[in-house]
Amino acid sequence: MKEYKYKINGNPYNVVIKDVQDNIAQVEVNGTPYKVELDRPVSVAPKIIKRPAAAPKTESGNPVIAPKATKKEGIKSPLPGIILDIKVKEGDKVKKGQTVIILEAMKMENNINAHKDGKVTAINVKNGDSVLEGTDLVIIE
């Protein structure tokens, strides 16, 4: 069942298509039912349900266990501004709350701190870059 709202010449119409079989559609317009004959039958493709493949197994028959994924998370810029200083390098270990970048925004210097303990895997900005709010500045793994 699909519902549509139209406005024709300023008049609102609420159209509900209830059922379609071959070339006849059961339609309701503003609460009044109609049978609409289409110029050709409507074909509805059957839904294909895919079943998941069996889990991969080792030679001994045990299921393969994927290594635990490490979460990489970016430190995002809280507001638009200009990068004044980068306090870390790639490969550095950082602690939650440690200042990693100094961002100038609205004539103020803002310390951008690490949101978790981890290792810096990427620095996506350099001194003097202008950044928008939400930009990933530093990636911590």
N, C-alpha and C. Protein backbone atom coordinates (compact mmCIF):
# COMPACT_ATOMS: atom_id res chain seq x y z
N MET A 1 0.85 -1.17 0.00
CA MET A 1 0.00 0.00 0.00
C MET A 1 0.90 1.24 0.00
N LYS A 2 0.66 2.14 -0.93
CA LYS A 2 1.43 3.37 -1.03
C LYS A 2 0.48 4.54 -0.93
N GLU A 3 0.97 5.58 -0.29
CA GLU A 3 0.15 6.77 -0.09
C GLU A 3 0.86 7.98 -0.67
N TYR A 4 0.13 8.80 -1.40
CA TYR A 4 0.68 10.00 -2.02
C TYR A 4 -0.22 11.19 -1.71
N LYS A 5 0.36 12.35 -1.61
CA LYS A 5 -0.39 13.58 -1.40
C LYS A 5 -0.10 14.50 -2.58
N TYR A 6 -1.17 14.96 -3.26
CA TYR A 6 -1.04 15.84 -4.41
C TYR A 6 -1.85 17.09 -4.18
N LYS A 7 -1.47 18.13 -4.91
CA LYS A 7 -2.26 19.35 -4.93
C LYS A 7 -2.43 19.71 -6.40
N ILE A 8 -3.68 19.70 -6.86
CA ILE A 8 -3.97 20.00 -8.26
C ILE A 8 -4.89 21.22 -8.29
N ASN A 9 -4.44 22.28 -8.96
CA ASN A 9 -5.19 23.54 -9.02
C ASN A 9 -5.56 24.03 -7.63
N GLY A 10 -4.66 23.85 -6.67
CA GLY A 10 -4.89 24.31 -5.30
C GLY A 10 -5.73 23.37 -4.45
N ASN A 11 -6.23 22.29 -5.03
CA ASN A 11 -7.06 21.33 -4.28
C ASN A 11 -6.21 20.16 -3.82
N PRO A 12 -6.23 19.84 -2.51
CA PRO A 12 -5.43 18.72 -2.01
C PRO A 12 -6.09 17.37 -2.30
N TYR A 13 -5.27 16.39 -2.67
CA TYR A 13 -5.75 15.04 -2.93
C TYR A 13 -4.86 14.06 -2.16
N ASN A 14 -5.48 13.16 -1.43
CA ASN A 14 -4.78 12.09 -0.72
C ASN A 14 -5.07 10.81 -1.47
N VAL A 15 -4.06 10.25 -2.14
CA VAL A 15 -4.24 9.08 -2.99
C VAL A 15 -3.56 7.88 -2.33
N VAL A 16 -4.33 6.81 -2.15
CA VAL A 16 -3.80 5.57 -1.58
C VAL A 16 -3.97 4.47 -2.61
N ILE A 17 -2.86 3.85 -3.02
CA ILE A 17 -2.91 2.71 -3.93
C ILE A 17 -2.95 1.47 -3.05
N LYS A 18 -4.11 0.80 -3.04
CA LYS A 18 -4.31 -0.33 -2.13
C LYS A 18 -3.77 -1.63 -2.69
N ASP A 19 -4.10 -1.92 -3.96
CA ASP A 19 -3.72 -3.21 -4.52
C ASP A 19 -3.65 -3.07 -6.04
N VAL A 20 -2.76 -3.81 -6.66
CA VAL A 20 -2.66 -3.84 -8.12
C VAL A 20 -2.57 -5.30 -8.53
N GLN A 21 -3.52 -5.73 -9.38
CA GLN A 21 -3.49 -7.09 -9.92
C GLN A 21 -3.66 -6.98 -11.42
N ASP A 22 -2.71 -7.55 -12.13
CA ASP A 22 -2.65 -7.46 -13.58
C ASP A 22 -2.66 -5.99 -14.00
N ASN A 23 -3.77 -5.53 -14.63
CA ASN A 23 -3.81 -4.14 -15.06
C ASN A 23 -4.93 -3.35 -14.35
N ILE A 24 -5.41 -3.84 -13.20
CA ILE A 24 -6.44 -3.15 -12.42
C ILE A 24 -5.84 -2.74 -11.06
N ALA A 25 -5.95 -1.45 -10.77
CA ALA A 25 -5.43 -0.93 -9.50
C ALA A 25 -6.61 -0.50 -8.64
N GLN A 26 -6.59 -0.91 -7.37
CA GLN A 26 -7.59 -0.46 -6.38
C GLN A 26 -7.03 0.80 -5.75
N VAL A 27 -7.66 1.95 -6.01
CA VAL A 27 -7.15 3.24 -5.58
C VAL A 27 -8.22 3.96 -4.76
N GLU A 28 -7.77 4.69 -3.75
CA GLU A 28 -8.69 5.50 -2.95
C GLU A 28 -8.20 6.95 -3.02
N VAL A 29 -9.09 7.85 -3.47
CA VAL A 29 -8.76 9.27 -3.58
C VAL A 29 -9.64 10.04 -2.62
N ASN A 30 -9.05 10.67 -1.62
CA ASN A 30 -9.77 11.42 -0.58
C ASN A 30 -10.89 10.58 0.03
N GLY A 31 -10.62 9.28 0.23
CA GLY A 31 -11.58 8.41 0.89
C GLY A 31 -12.55 7.72 -0.05
N THR A 32 -12.57 8.07 -1.32
CA THR A 32 -13.48 7.45 -2.28
C THR A 32 -12.73 6.38 -3.07
N PRO A 33 -13.24 5.12 -3.05
CA PRO A 33 -12.54 4.04 -3.76
C PRO A 33 -12.81 4.09 -5.27
N TYR A 34 -11.79 3.73 -6.04
CA TYR A 34 -11.88 3.65 -7.50
C TYR A 34 -11.14 2.42 -7.97
N LYS A 35 -11.60 1.87 -9.11
CA LYS A 35 -10.85 0.83 -9.82
C LYS A 35 -10.29 1.51 -11.05
N VAL A 36 -8.97 1.48 -11.17
CA VAL A 36 -8.30 2.15 -12.28
C VAL A 36 -7.73 1.09 -13.19
N GLU A 37 -8.06 1.19 -14.49
CA GLU A 37 -7.54 0.25 -15.48
C GLU A 37 -6.27 0.84 -16.09
N LEU A 38 -5.17 0.10 -15.99
CA LEU A 38 -3.89 0.54 -16.52
C LEU A 38 -3.75 0.07 -17.97
N ASP A 39 -2.91 0.73 -18.74
CA ASP A 39 -2.75 0.36 -20.14
C ASP A 39 -2.04 -0.97 -20.34
N ARG A 40 -1.29 -1.42 -19.33
CA ARG A 40 -0.65 -2.73 -19.42
C ARG A 40 -0.52 -3.31 -18.01
N PRO A 41 -0.43 -4.62 -17.91
CA PRO A 41 -0.30 -5.24 -16.58
C PRO A 41 1.00 -4.83 -15.89
N VAL A 42 0.94 -4.72 -14.57
CA VAL A 42 2.10 -4.39 -13.77
C VAL A 42 2.76 -5.69 -13.34
N SER A 43 4.06 -5.80 -13.60
CA SER A 43 4.76 -7.00 -13.16
C SER A 43 5.53 -6.67 -11.90
N VAL A 44 5.38 -7.48 -10.90
CA VAL A 44 6.07 -7.29 -9.64
C VAL A 44 7.17 -8.34 -9.55
N ALA A 45 8.40 -7.87 -9.41
CA ALA A 45 9.52 -8.81 -9.32
C ALA A 45 9.49 -9.49 -7.95
N PRO A 46 9.69 -10.79 -7.91
CA PRO A 46 9.71 -11.48 -6.62
C PRO A 46 10.94 -11.07 -5.81
N LYS A 47 10.79 -11.03 -4.51
CA LYS A 47 11.91 -10.70 -3.64
C LYS A 47 12.83 -11.89 -3.55
N ILE A 48 14.11 -11.63 -3.72
CA ILE A 48 15.11 -12.69 -3.63
C ILE A 48 15.72 -12.63 -2.24
N ILE A 49 15.65 -13.73 -1.54
CA ILE A 49 16.20 -13.79 -0.19
C ILE A 49 17.52 -14.55 -0.28
N LYS A 50 18.59 -13.85 0.06
CA LYS A 50 19.90 -14.49 0.04
C LYS A 50 20.22 -15.02 1.42
N ARG A 51 20.67 -16.22 1.45
CA ARG A 51 21.09 -16.82 2.72
C ARG A 51 22.59 -16.58 2.86
N PRO A 52 23.04 -16.34 4.08
CA PRO A 52 24.48 -16.13 4.26
C PRO A 52 25.25 -17.41 3.97
N ALA A 53 26.45 -17.24 3.45
CA ALA A 53 27.31 -18.39 3.19
C ALA A 53 27.76 -18.98 4.53
N ALA A 54 28.14 -20.23 4.50
CA ALA A 54 28.63 -20.87 5.71
C ALA A 54 29.92 -20.19 6.14
N ALA A 55 30.13 -20.14 7.43
CA ALA A 55 31.35 -19.51 7.96
C ALA A 55 32.56 -20.30 7.49
N PRO A 56 33.65 -19.60 7.16
CA PRO A 56 34.85 -20.32 6.73
C PRO A 56 35.41 -21.17 7.87
N LYS A 57 36.04 -22.27 7.50
CA LYS A 57 36.60 -23.19 8.51
C LYS A 57 38.06 -23.45 8.22
N THR A 58 38.79 -23.76 9.27
CA THR A 58 40.20 -24.11 9.12
C THR A 58 40.30 -25.56 8.65
N GLU A 59 41.53 -26.04 8.39
CA GLU A 59 41.72 -27.41 7.94
C GLU A 59 41.21 -28.42 8.96
N SER A 60 41.28 -28.05 10.25
CA SER A 60 40.82 -28.97 11.30
C SER A 60 39.30 -28.96 11.45
N GLY A 61 38.62 -28.06 10.72
CA GLY A 61 37.16 -28.00 10.80
C GLY A 61 36.63 -26.96 11.77
N ASN A 62 37.52 -26.29 12.49
CA ASN A 62 37.08 -25.25 13.42
C ASN A 62 36.77 -23.97 12.65
N PRO A 63 35.81 -23.18 13.12
CA PRO A 63 35.52 -21.93 12.42
C PRO A 63 36.69 -20.95 12.55
N VAL A 64 36.88 -20.15 11.51
CA VAL A 64 37.92 -19.13 11.51
C VAL A 64 37.45 -17.97 12.38
N ILE A 65 38.31 -17.54 13.28
CA ILE A 65 37.97 -16.42 14.16
C ILE A 65 38.76 -15.22 13.68
N ALA A 66 38.06 -14.17 13.33
CA ALA A 66 38.72 -12.95 12.83
C ALA A 66 39.44 -12.27 13.98
N PRO A 67 40.57 -11.65 13.69
CA PRO A 67 41.27 -10.93 14.76
C PRO A 67 40.42 -9.76 15.23
N LYS A 68 40.58 -9.43 16.48
CA LYS A 68 39.81 -8.33 17.05
C LYS A 68 40.21 -7.03 16.35
N ALA A 69 39.22 -6.35 15.80
CA ALA A 69 39.50 -5.11 15.08
C ALA A 69 39.81 -4.00 16.07
N THR A 70 40.81 -3.20 15.70
CA THR A 70 41.10 -2.05 16.54
C THR A 70 40.30 -0.89 16.01
N LYS A 71 39.79 -0.10 16.93
CA LYS A 71 38.96 1.01 16.52
C LYS A 71 39.82 2.23 16.28
N LYS A 72 39.75 2.75 15.07
CA LYS A 72 40.42 4.00 14.76
C LYS A 72 39.37 5.09 14.86
N GLU A 73 39.65 6.10 15.65
CA GLU A 73 38.71 7.19 15.81
C GLU A 73 39.43 8.50 15.60
N GLY A 74 38.78 9.40 14.93
CA GLY A 74 39.37 10.70 14.67
C GLY A 74 39.01 11.71 15.74
N ILE A 75 39.96 12.58 16.04
CA ILE A 75 39.67 13.74 16.89
C ILE A 75 39.14 14.79 15.95
N LYS A 76 37.90 15.19 16.15
CA LYS A 76 37.24 16.11 15.25
C LYS A 76 37.37 17.55 15.72
N SER A 77 37.40 18.45 14.77
CA SER A 77 37.44 19.87 15.09
C SER A 77 36.07 20.28 15.65
N PRO A 78 36.04 20.88 16.84
CA PRO A 78 34.75 21.25 17.42
C PRO A 78 34.13 22.47 16.76
N LEU A 79 34.94 23.26 16.04
CA LEU A 79 34.43 24.43 15.35
C LEU A 79 35.40 24.81 14.23
N PRO A 80 34.97 25.64 13.29
CA PRO A 80 35.87 26.03 12.21
C PRO A 80 37.00 26.91 12.73
N GLY A 81 38.17 26.78 12.14
CA GLY A 81 39.30 27.58 12.59
C GLY A 81 40.56 27.29 11.80
N ILE A 82 41.68 27.75 12.36
CA ILE A 82 42.99 27.60 11.72
C ILE A 82 43.92 26.84 12.67
N ILE A 83 44.65 25.86 12.14
CA ILE A 83 45.57 25.06 12.94
C ILE A 83 46.80 25.93 13.26
N LEU A 84 47.05 26.16 14.55
CA LEU A 84 48.22 26.94 14.98
C LEU A 84 49.40 26.05 15.30
N ASP A 85 49.15 24.90 15.96
CA ASP A 85 50.25 24.04 16.38
C ASP A 85 49.77 22.60 16.50
N ILE A 86 50.64 21.69 16.11
CA ILE A 86 50.37 20.26 16.27
C ILE A 86 51.35 19.74 17.29
N LYS A 87 50.84 19.22 18.40
CA LYS A 87 51.67 18.83 19.54
C LYS A 87 52.13 17.37 19.50
N VAL A 88 51.70 16.58 18.51
CA VAL A 88 52.05 15.16 18.44
C VAL A 88 52.58 14.83 17.05
N LYS A 89 53.20 13.64 16.95
CA LYS A 89 53.66 13.11 15.67
C LYS A 89 53.03 11.75 15.47
N GLU A 90 53.02 11.28 14.23
CA GLU A 90 52.51 9.94 13.97
C GLU A 90 53.35 8.93 14.75
N GLY A 91 52.68 7.98 15.38
CA GLY A 91 53.36 6.96 16.18
C GLY A 91 53.42 7.30 17.65
N ASP A 92 53.14 8.56 18.02
CA ASP A 92 53.16 8.95 19.44
C ASP A 92 52.03 8.27 20.19
N LYS A 93 52.29 7.92 21.45
CA LYS A 93 51.24 7.42 22.34
C LYS A 93 50.65 8.63 23.05
N VAL A 94 49.32 8.69 23.15
CA VAL A 94 48.66 9.81 23.81
C VAL A 94 47.74 9.29 24.90
N LYS A 95 47.50 10.13 25.87
CA LYS A 95 46.59 9.82 26.97
C LYS A 95 45.33 10.66 26.80
N LYS A 96 44.24 10.15 27.29
CA LYS A 96 42.98 10.89 27.25
C LYS A 96 43.17 12.23 27.95
N GLY A 97 42.74 13.32 27.27
CA GLY A 97 42.86 14.65 27.83
C GLY A 97 44.12 15.39 27.44
N GLN A 98 45.07 14.69 26.81
CA GLN A 98 46.33 15.32 26.39
C GLN A 98 46.06 16.23 25.20
N THR A 99 46.65 17.43 25.20
CA THR A 99 46.49 18.37 24.08
C THR A 99 47.26 17.85 22.88
N VAL A 100 46.56 17.73 21.74
CA VAL A 100 47.21 17.25 20.52
C VAL A 100 47.31 18.35 19.47
N ILE A 101 46.38 19.30 19.49
CA ILE A 101 46.36 20.38 18.50
C ILE A 101 45.91 21.66 19.17
N ILE A 102 46.45 22.78 18.69
CA ILE A 102 45.95 24.09 19.11
C ILE A 102 45.28 24.72 17.89
N LEU A 103 44.02 25.07 18.06
CA LEU A 103 43.18 25.58 16.98
C LEU A 103 42.77 27.01 17.30
N GLU A 104 42.99 27.92 16.36
CA GLU A 104 42.52 29.30 16.55
C GLU A 104 41.12 29.40 15.94
N ALA A 105 40.18 29.81 16.77
CA ALA A 105 38.80 29.99 16.31
C ALA A 105 38.24 31.21 17.03
N MET A 106 37.66 32.13 16.29
CA MET A 106 37.07 33.34 16.85
C MET A 106 38.09 34.12 17.68
N LYS A 107 39.32 34.22 17.16
CA LYS A 107 40.42 34.98 17.80
C LYS A 107 40.83 34.39 19.15
N MET A 108 40.50 33.12 19.39
CA MET A 108 40.87 32.45 20.64
C MET A 108 41.66 31.20 20.29
N GLU A 109 42.66 30.89 21.14
CA GLU A 109 43.39 29.63 20.99
C GLU A 109 42.65 28.56 21.77
N ASN A 110 42.33 27.46 21.11
CA ASN A 110 41.59 26.37 21.73
C ASN A 110 42.45 25.11 21.73
N ASN A 111 42.61 24.49 22.90
CA ASN A 111 43.31 23.21 22.99
C ASN A 111 42.36 22.11 22.54
N ILE A 112 42.79 21.30 21.59
CA ILE A 112 42.02 20.14 21.15
C ILE A 112 42.71 18.93 21.79
N ASN A 113 41.96 18.22 22.63
CA ASN A 113 42.54 17.14 23.43
C ASN A 113 42.13 15.77 22.89
N ALA A 114 42.97 14.78 23.21
CA ALA A 114 42.66 13.39 22.87
C ALA A 114 41.45 12.94 23.67
N HIS A 115 40.55 12.23 23.01
CA HIS A 115 39.34 11.75 23.65
C HIS A 115 39.51 10.35 24.24
N LYS A 116 40.67 9.73 24.00
CA LYS A 116 40.94 8.39 24.55
C LYS A 116 42.43 8.14 24.53
N ASP A 117 42.86 7.15 25.28
CA ASP A 117 44.25 6.70 25.23
C ASP A 117 44.45 5.97 23.90
N GLY A 118 45.66 6.06 23.34
CA GLY A 118 45.93 5.32 22.12
C GLY A 118 47.19 5.79 21.44
N LYS A 119 47.31 5.37 20.17
CA LYS A 119 48.48 5.69 19.37
C LYS A 119 48.03 6.53 18.18
N VAL A 120 48.76 7.60 17.90
CA VAL A 120 48.44 8.46 16.76
C VAL A 120 48.85 7.72 15.49
N THR A 121 47.86 7.42 14.63
CA THR A 121 48.16 6.70 13.39
C THR A 121 48.17 7.62 12.17
N ALA A 122 47.54 8.80 12.28
CA ALA A 122 47.53 9.72 11.14
C ALA A 122 47.27 11.14 11.64
N ILE A 123 47.92 12.08 11.00
CA ILE A 123 47.65 13.50 11.24
C ILE A 123 47.17 14.06 9.90
N ASN A 124 45.94 14.51 9.87
CA ASN A 124 45.30 14.90 8.61
C ASN A 124 45.43 16.39 8.29
N VAL A 125 46.11 17.16 9.14
CA VAL A 125 46.23 18.60 8.93
C VAL A 125 47.69 19.02 9.14
N LYS A 126 47.98 20.26 8.75
CA LYS A 126 49.31 20.82 9.03
C LYS A 126 49.12 22.26 9.51
N ASN A 127 50.16 22.83 10.08
CA ASN A 127 50.09 24.20 10.60
C ASN A 127 49.60 25.15 9.50
N GLY A 128 48.67 26.03 9.87
CA GLY A 128 48.15 27.01 8.94
C GLY A 128 46.92 26.56 8.17
N ASP A 129 46.56 25.27 8.25
CA ASP A 129 45.37 24.79 7.55
C ASP A 129 44.11 25.38 8.15
N SER A 130 43.16 25.73 7.29
CA SER A 130 41.82 26.12 7.73
C SER A 130 40.97 24.85 7.75
N VAL A 131 40.23 24.65 8.82
CA VAL A 131 39.42 23.44 8.94
C VAL A 131 37.98 23.83 9.25
N LEU A 132 37.07 22.97 8.87
CA LEU A 132 35.66 23.14 9.18
C LEU A 132 35.29 22.32 10.41
N GLU A 133 34.18 22.64 11.01
CA GLU A 133 33.69 21.88 12.15
C GLU A 133 33.45 20.44 11.72
N GLY A 134 33.89 19.49 12.54
CA GLY A 134 33.68 18.07 12.27
C GLY A 134 34.80 17.42 11.46
N THR A 135 35.80 18.19 11.05
CA THR A 135 36.92 17.63 10.29
C THR A 135 37.76 16.74 11.20
N ASP A 136 38.13 15.54 10.70
CA ASP A 136 39.03 14.66 11.45
C ASP A 136 40.42 15.28 11.41
N LEU A 137 40.95 15.67 12.55
CA LEU A 137 42.27 16.29 12.63
C LEU A 137 43.36 15.26 12.80
N VAL A 138 43.17 14.37 13.78
CA VAL A 138 44.15 13.36 14.14
C VAL A 138 43.40 12.03 14.33
N ILE A 139 43.98 10.95 13.85
CA ILE A 139 43.37 9.62 14.01
C ILE A 139 44.13 8.89 15.12
N ILE A 140 43.36 8.38 16.10
CA ILE A 140 43.95 7.62 17.21
C ILE A 140 43.43 6.19 17.15
N GLU A 141 44.36 5.26 17.28
CA GLU A 141 44.00 3.83 17.27
C GLU A 141 44.14 3.28 18.67
